[in-house]
Amino acid sequence: MSLDIDQIVVHQLIKRDEDELSLILRDSLLSPTHEVEVMLEELHRVYSAKNKAYGLFNEESELRDTLRECRGGQQDFLAFTRAATGRLRDELAKYPFAEGGIVLFAQYRYLAVEYLLISVLNSQSSMRVNEALEISTTHYLDINHADIVARIDLTEWETQPDSTRYLTFLRGRVGRKVADFFMDFLGASQGLDAKAQNRTLLQAVDDYCEEVSLDKQSRQEYRQQVHQYCSDQLKSGDEITITELSHQLPEVNEQSFVGFTEQQGYEFEESFPADRSTLRQLTKFSGSGGGLTMNFDALLLNERIFWDPTTDTLTIKGTPPNLRDQLQRRLKEH
């Protein structure tokens, strides 16, 4: 991985009691040792693979102003991170789920793009066997489950000030409150809605198939082609471009997909990130609730799976062998 660390530092938040979060602040930056590089590369990889929300700084953002001073040389990076960690503590302390953690600030370059990543990492305990074959406890940073993370694309922020997507963050496992707390700390608001863009794409595909009167099989093949393109973009780390997608789809009745979207006035960004969970609806039906979880290939609808909207009943012909085996064993108990 071609990742070059410019500046990196960690501080610590410690929960002393139910109402107090105290700070331990470093007096110097970390040296970019091999261990530090491996840690940041792993955090970068994990973060890049997750679905993210997009945002931009508010006009009154204190973090934006101090970051701008830091980038302009009026404040050094260490001082910037020490002050920011204090503000982070103040915001986090407002919430009942507030816990301690390691606060990491990393300014680095990846593929000619400069980033600032800010994360609160939790520590976990595990067991290890040392050289003397003795068992002891060890602590490690739980990077795979990091959910309080934000990253600023410094290159885009400084070259495209009107962008609505230079800042990304995770919503987190604790729910919407994590997003609220991090947005307050960053002084930011939501920008590009990637999920909404993906939902609009799904609607446009369905509307196009209806407009050009494709039959059931042709519609599903068309959806499959759209899904394949979007999946390829997701795997390569590239974004969805409607014009590029249209070039890979056949024209029907001399009507291109991009021409249809422009004619109908769909509001697409020039490009936008693929959202895996939304795009799955192109080829699968899924849902859960009331103790029932189900998903199946869209091709099976009206072939092996039938829905009666009047009674809201699904009829399944031919159950999976492992499910059938469980049902048969359970029936023998009665």
Protein backbone atom coordinates (compact mmCIF):
# COMPACT_ATOMS: atom_id res chain seq x y z
CA MET A 1 0.00 0.00 0.00
CA SER A 2 1.44 3.36 -1.05
CA LEU A 3 0.67 5.35 2.10
CA ASP A 4 3.06 8.09 3.24
CA ILE A 5 2.69 9.46 6.77
CA ASP A 6 3.31 13.17 7.10
CA GLN A 7 2.37 13.72 10.77
CA ILE A 8 0.72 11.42 13.30
CA VAL A 9 -0.03 11.60 17.02
CA VAL A 10 -2.23 9.95 19.62
CA HIS A 11 -3.80 11.31 22.80
CA GLN A 12 -5.99 9.58 25.35
CA LEU A 13 -9.41 10.11 26.88
CA ILE A 14 -9.94 8.41 30.25
CA LYS A 15 -13.31 8.06 31.95
CA ARG A 16 -12.60 8.67 35.64
CA ASP A 17 -16.18 8.42 36.82
CA GLU A 18 -19.67 8.74 35.38
CA ASP A 19 -19.38 12.47 34.81
CA GLU A 20 -15.71 13.08 34.02
CA LEU A 21 -13.56 12.47 30.97
CA SER A 22 -9.94 13.46 31.53
CA LEU A 23 -7.12 13.89 29.02
CA ILE A 24 -3.62 12.58 28.63
CA LEU A 25 -1.92 14.58 25.88
CA ARG A 26 1.34 13.72 24.16
CA ASP A 27 4.10 16.34 24.08
CA SER A 28 5.51 15.18 20.74
CA LEU A 29 4.46 13.55 17.48
CA LEU A 30 4.86 9.84 16.91
CA SER A 31 7.78 8.69 14.81
CA PRO A 32 6.58 6.93 11.64
CA THR A 33 8.03 3.56 12.63
CA HIS A 34 7.15 0.33 10.84
CA GLU A 35 4.59 -0.50 13.54
CA VAL A 36 2.96 2.92 13.20
CA GLU A 37 2.81 2.57 9.42
CA VAL A 38 1.23 -0.89 9.65
CA MET A 39 -1.35 0.37 12.13
CA LEU A 40 -2.35 3.35 9.96
CA GLU A 41 -2.45 1.25 6.80
CA GLU A 42 -4.85 -1.16 8.51
CA LEU A 43 -7.05 1.69 9.77
CA HIS A 44 -7.06 3.25 6.29
CA ARG A 45 -8.01 -0.11 4.73
CA VAL A 46 -10.80 -0.81 7.21
CA TYR A 47 -12.21 2.69 6.93
CA SER A 48 -12.11 2.74 3.11
CA ALA A 49 -14.10 -0.51 2.96
CA LYS A 50 -17.00 0.81 5.06
CA ASN A 51 -20.05 2.73 3.93
CA LYS A 52 -19.60 6.37 4.87
CA ALA A 53 -21.67 9.50 5.17
CA TYR A 54 -20.46 12.67 3.43
CA GLY A 55 -20.29 16.17 4.81
CA LEU A 56 -18.79 19.64 4.67
CA PHE A 57 -17.72 22.22 7.24
CA ASN A 58 -20.22 24.77 8.54
CA GLU A 59 -19.28 28.43 8.36
CA GLU A 60 -18.94 28.58 12.15
CA SER A 61 -16.79 25.44 12.43
CA GLU A 62 -14.00 25.99 14.94
CA LEU A 63 -12.16 22.89 13.79
CA ARG A 64 -12.20 24.16 10.21
CA ASP A 65 -10.71 27.51 11.25
CA THR A 66 -7.93 25.99 13.35
CA LEU A 67 -7.19 23.40 10.67
CA ARG A 68 -6.87 26.20 8.14
CA GLU A 69 -4.41 27.97 10.47
CA CYS A 70 -2.46 24.74 10.84
CA ARG A 71 -2.31 24.26 7.09
CA GLY A 72 -1.21 27.86 6.70
CA GLY A 73 1.63 27.51 9.20
CA GLN A 74 0.14 29.72 11.93
CA GLN A 75 -0.18 26.70 14.26
CA ASP A 76 1.78 23.48 14.41
CA PHE A 77 0.13 20.08 14.02
CA LEU A 78 0.73 18.96 17.61
CA ALA A 79 -0.88 22.08 19.07
CA PHE A 80 -3.80 21.69 16.69
CA THR A 81 -4.42 18.08 17.81
CA ARG A 82 -4.06 18.89 21.52
CA ALA A 83 -6.68 21.66 21.28
CA ALA A 84 -8.95 19.51 19.10
CA THR A 85 -8.80 16.63 21.60
CA GLY A 86 -9.99 19.03 24.31
CA ARG A 87 -12.96 20.05 22.17
CA LEU A 88 -13.63 16.39 21.38
CA ARG A 89 -13.73 15.62 25.10
CA ASP A 90 -16.18 18.45 25.69
CA GLU A 91 -18.55 17.24 22.95
CA LEU A 92 -18.31 13.56 23.87
CA ALA A 93 -18.99 14.29 27.56
CA LYS A 94 -22.48 15.54 26.63
CA TYR A 95 -23.62 11.99 25.79
CA PRO A 96 -24.42 9.15 28.19
CA PHE A 97 -22.55 6.62 26.03
CA ALA A 98 -19.29 8.58 26.43
CA GLU A 99 -16.30 6.33 27.02
CA GLY A 100 -12.56 6.79 26.96
CA GLY A 101 -10.27 5.80 24.14
CA ILE A 102 -7.19 6.57 22.09
CA VAL A 103 -7.65 9.67 19.95
CA LEU A 104 -5.61 9.42 16.76
CA PHE A 105 -4.81 12.24 14.33
CA ALA A 106 -3.00 11.25 11.14
CA GLN A 107 -2.07 13.45 8.20
CA TYR A 108 -0.98 11.27 5.31
CA ARG A 109 -0.92 10.85 1.54
CA TYR A 110 -2.45 8.01 -0.42
CA LEU A 111 -2.44 7.91 -4.23
CA ALA A 112 -1.49 11.61 -4.49
CA VAL A 113 -4.37 12.65 -2.20
CA GLU A 114 -3.68 14.23 1.19
CA TYR A 115 -5.92 13.23 4.10
CA LEU A 116 -6.47 14.07 7.74
CA LEU A 117 -7.96 11.13 9.63
CA ILE A 118 -9.38 11.52 13.15
CA SER A 119 -10.50 8.50 15.13
CA VAL A 120 -11.32 7.39 18.65
CA LEU A 121 -10.05 3.83 19.02
CA ASN A 122 -10.98 1.42 21.79
CA SER A 123 -8.55 -1.00 23.41
CA GLN A 124 -9.35 -4.67 23.87
CA SER A 125 -7.73 -7.32 26.04
CA SER A 126 -6.55 -10.67 24.79
CA MET A 127 -4.27 -13.50 25.86
CA ARG A 128 -0.82 -14.25 24.54
CA VAL A 129 1.85 -16.91 25.03
CA ASN A 130 5.32 -15.37 25.45
CA GLU A 131 8.75 -16.76 24.60
CA ALA A 132 8.87 -18.65 27.90
CA LEU A 133 5.52 -20.29 27.03
CA GLU A 134 3.77 -18.37 29.76
CA ILE A 135 0.28 -16.96 29.32
CA SER A 136 -0.26 -13.25 29.93
CA THR A 137 -2.72 -10.52 29.12
CA THR A 138 -2.08 -8.08 26.29
CA HIS A 139 -3.96 -5.03 25.02
CA TYR A 140 -4.51 -4.07 21.40
CA LEU A 141 -6.30 -1.38 19.39
CA ASP A 142 -9.61 -2.69 18.06
CA ILE A 143 -9.22 -1.25 14.57
CA ASN A 144 -11.64 -3.63 12.84
CA HIS A 145 -14.52 -2.36 14.96
CA ALA A 146 -13.60 1.33 14.89
CA ASP A 147 -16.82 3.30 14.49
CA ILE A 148 -15.86 6.83 15.60
CA VAL A 149 -13.87 7.91 12.56
CA ALA A 150 -13.84 10.93 10.28
CA ARG A 151 -11.56 11.73 7.36
CA ILE A 152 -11.02 15.01 5.57
CA ASP A 153 -9.81 14.98 1.99
CA LEU A 154 -7.47 17.94 2.38
CA THR A 155 -6.69 18.03 -1.33
CA GLU A 156 -10.34 18.36 -2.32
CA TRP A 157 -11.14 20.77 0.53
CA GLU A 158 -8.39 23.15 -0.52
CA THR A 159 -8.83 22.89 -4.30
CA GLN A 160 -12.63 22.56 -4.50
CA PRO A 161 -14.09 24.68 -1.69
CA ASP A 162 -17.65 24.24 -3.04
CA SER A 163 -17.47 20.45 -2.74
CA THR A 164 -20.10 18.73 -0.56
CA ARG A 165 -18.11 15.54 -0.03
CA TYR A 166 -14.56 16.29 1.14
CA LEU A 167 -15.43 15.14 4.66
CA THR A 168 -16.55 11.58 5.43
CA PHE A 169 -17.54 9.90 8.68
CA LEU A 170 -19.02 6.66 9.99
CA ARG A 171 -22.44 6.61 11.56
CA GLY A 172 -21.33 4.01 14.11
CA ARG A 173 -22.87 1.10 15.95
CA VAL A 174 -24.28 3.24 18.76
CA GLY A 175 -26.73 4.84 16.36
CA ARG A 176 -27.50 8.31 15.15
CA LYS A 177 -26.08 9.96 18.31
CA VAL A 178 -22.53 9.05 17.30
CA ALA A 179 -23.00 10.88 14.03
CA ASP A 180 -24.48 13.86 15.93
CA PHE A 181 -21.57 14.03 18.34
CA PHE A 182 -18.94 13.76 15.63
CA MET A 183 -20.65 16.32 13.40
CA ASP A 184 -20.83 18.73 16.34
CA PHE A 185 -17.13 18.21 17.06
CA LEU A 186 -16.20 18.73 13.42
CA GLY A 187 -18.58 21.65 13.00
CA ALA A 188 -19.99 20.00 9.89
CA SER A 189 -23.28 19.12 8.24
CA GLN A 190 -24.24 16.34 5.88
CA GLY A 191 -23.36 16.92 2.24
CA LEU A 192 -23.69 14.42 -0.57
CA ASP A 193 -26.33 11.76 0.20
CA ALA A 194 -24.81 8.70 -1.47
CA LYS A 195 -27.70 6.42 -0.48
CA ALA A 196 -30.20 8.81 -2.04
CA GLN A 197 -28.18 8.88 -5.27
CA ASN A 198 -28.18 5.07 -5.37
CA ARG A 199 -31.91 4.93 -4.66
CA THR A 200 -32.52 7.38 -7.50
CA LEU A 201 -30.47 5.15 -9.80
CA LEU A 202 -32.65 2.15 -8.91
CA GLN A 203 -35.78 4.16 -9.60
CA ALA A 204 -34.39 5.41 -12.92
CA VAL A 205 -33.56 1.84 -14.01
CA ASP A 206 -37.10 0.66 -13.21
CA ASP A 207 -38.64 3.66 -14.95
CA TYR A 208 -36.45 3.15 -18.02
CA CYS A 209 -37.41 -0.53 -18.28
CA GLU A 210 -41.07 0.47 -18.05
CA GLU A 211 -40.67 3.26 -20.61
CA VAL A 212 -39.10 1.01 -23.27
CA SER A 213 -41.50 -1.89 -22.46
CA LEU A 214 -38.95 -4.58 -21.62
CA ASP A 215 -40.39 -7.98 -20.72
CA LYS A 216 -39.71 -9.62 -17.36
CA GLN A 217 -36.57 -11.50 -18.41
CA SER A 218 -35.11 -8.53 -20.29
CA ARG A 219 -35.75 -6.27 -17.30
CA GLN A 220 -33.90 -8.59 -14.96
CA GLU A 221 -30.99 -8.89 -17.40
CA TYR A 222 -30.85 -5.10 -17.61
CA ARG A 223 -30.82 -4.80 -13.81
CA GLN A 224 -28.08 -7.44 -13.67
CA GLN A 225 -25.93 -5.43 -16.08
CA VAL A 226 -26.39 -2.30 -13.97
CA HIS A 227 -25.52 -4.26 -10.84
CA GLN A 228 -22.38 -5.70 -12.46
CA TYR A 229 -21.10 -2.25 -13.45
CA CYS A 230 -21.78 -0.80 -9.99
CA SER A 231 -20.16 -3.80 -8.27
CA ASP A 232 -17.07 -3.41 -10.43
CA GLN A 233 -16.87 0.27 -9.50
CA LEU A 234 -17.21 -0.61 -5.82
CA LYS A 235 -14.45 -3.22 -5.99
CA SER A 236 -12.04 -0.91 -7.80
CA GLY A 237 -12.77 2.04 -5.51
CA ASP A 238 -14.19 4.09 -8.38
CA GLU A 239 -17.51 5.92 -8.44
CA ILE A 240 -20.65 5.49 -10.52
CA THR A 241 -20.93 7.77 -13.54
CA ILE A 242 -24.28 7.68 -15.35
CA THR A 243 -22.69 8.40 -18.74
CA GLU A 244 -20.17 5.59 -18.32
CA LEU A 245 -22.88 3.22 -17.10
CA SER A 246 -25.05 4.06 -20.10
CA HIS A 247 -22.21 3.23 -22.50
CA GLN A 248 -22.18 -0.31 -21.09
CA LEU A 249 -25.92 -0.79 -21.48
CA PRO A 250 -27.74 -1.57 -24.75
CA GLU A 251 -29.98 1.11 -26.23
CA VAL A 252 -33.61 0.06 -26.47
CA ASN A 253 -35.84 1.59 -29.12
CA GLU A 254 -32.99 4.03 -29.89
CA GLN A 255 -33.27 5.39 -26.34
CA SER A 256 -30.07 5.42 -24.28
CA PHE A 257 -30.23 5.21 -20.51
CA VAL A 258 -28.35 8.49 -20.01
CA GLY A 259 -30.61 10.20 -22.56
CA PHE A 260 -33.65 8.96 -20.66
CA THR A 261 -32.35 10.21 -17.30
CA GLU A 262 -31.57 13.63 -18.74
CA GLN A 263 -34.93 13.86 -20.44
CA GLN A 264 -36.78 12.90 -17.26
CA GLY A 265 -34.75 15.28 -15.10
CA TYR A 266 -33.22 12.88 -12.59
CA GLU A 267 -30.88 14.80 -10.31
CA PHE A 268 -27.62 12.86 -10.44
CA GLU A 269 -24.23 14.11 -9.34
CA GLU A 270 -21.50 13.94 -11.98
CA SER A 271 -20.31 10.87 -10.09
CA PHE A 272 -21.25 9.30 -6.77
CA PRO A 273 -20.11 6.37 -4.58
CA ALA A 274 -21.79 2.99 -4.92
CA ASP A 275 -23.79 1.88 -1.88
CA ARG A 276 -23.66 -1.90 -1.57
CA SER A 277 -26.82 -2.39 0.49
CA THR A 278 -28.96 -0.24 -1.80
CA LEU A 279 -27.63 -1.75 -5.04
CA ARG A 280 -28.34 -5.26 -3.76
CA GLN A 281 -32.01 -4.52 -4.46
CA LEU A 282 -31.26 -4.76 -8.20
CA THR A 283 -30.85 -8.51 -7.95
CA LYS A 284 -32.32 -9.55 -4.59
CA PHE A 285 -35.31 -9.08 -2.33
CA SER A 286 -34.56 -8.93 1.38
CA GLY A 287 -36.16 -7.89 4.62
CA SER A 288 -36.45 -8.68 8.30
CA GLY A 289 -38.84 -8.06 11.16
CA GLY A 290 -40.97 -9.84 13.70
CA GLY A 291 -38.46 -12.65 14.08
CA LEU A 292 -38.31 -13.33 10.33
CA THR A 293 -35.32 -12.65 8.06
CA MET A 294 -35.51 -13.45 4.38
CA ASN A 295 -33.63 -12.76 1.16
CA PHE A 296 -33.86 -14.36 -2.25
CA ASP A 297 -32.80 -13.78 -5.85
CA ALA A 298 -35.20 -11.54 -7.76
CA LEU A 299 -35.35 -14.18 -10.54
CA LEU A 300 -37.26 -16.48 -8.18
CA LEU A 301 -40.24 -14.14 -7.85
CA ASN A 302 -43.24 -15.73 -9.60
CA GLU A 303 -41.08 -18.76 -10.39
CA ARG A 304 -40.56 -20.47 -7.02
CA ILE A 305 -41.68 -17.66 -4.72
CA PHE A 306 -45.15 -16.12 -5.04
CA TRP A 307 -46.58 -13.15 -3.17
CA ASP A 308 -50.30 -12.57 -2.65
CA PRO A 309 -50.65 -8.84 -1.82
CA THR A 310 -54.26 -9.35 -0.70
CA THR A 311 -53.33 -11.68 2.17
CA ASP A 312 -49.66 -10.53 2.39
CA THR A 313 -48.59 -14.14 2.04
CA LEU A 314 -45.43 -15.58 0.49
CA THR A 315 -45.59 -19.09 -0.95
CA ILE A 316 -42.24 -20.84 -1.40
CA LYS A 317 -41.94 -23.91 -3.62
CA GLY A 318 -38.82 -25.90 -2.89
CA THR A 319 -37.01 -25.04 0.35
CA PRO A 320 -33.20 -25.12 0.69
CA PRO A 321 -31.99 -28.61 1.74
CA ASN A 322 -30.43 -27.43 5.02
CA LEU A 323 -33.64 -25.61 5.99
CA ARG A 324 -35.74 -28.61 5.00
CA ASP A 325 -33.57 -30.85 7.17
CA GLN A 326 -34.05 -28.57 10.19
CA LEU A 327 -37.83 -28.49 9.65
CA GLN A 328 -38.04 -32.27 9.36
CA ARG A 329 -36.05 -32.80 12.56
CA ARG A 330 -38.19 -30.30 14.45
CA LEU A 331 -41.43 -31.91 13.23
CA LYS A 332 -40.29 -35.28 14.61
CA GLU A 333 -40.24 -33.75 18.10
CA HIS A 334 -43.99 -33.26 18.07
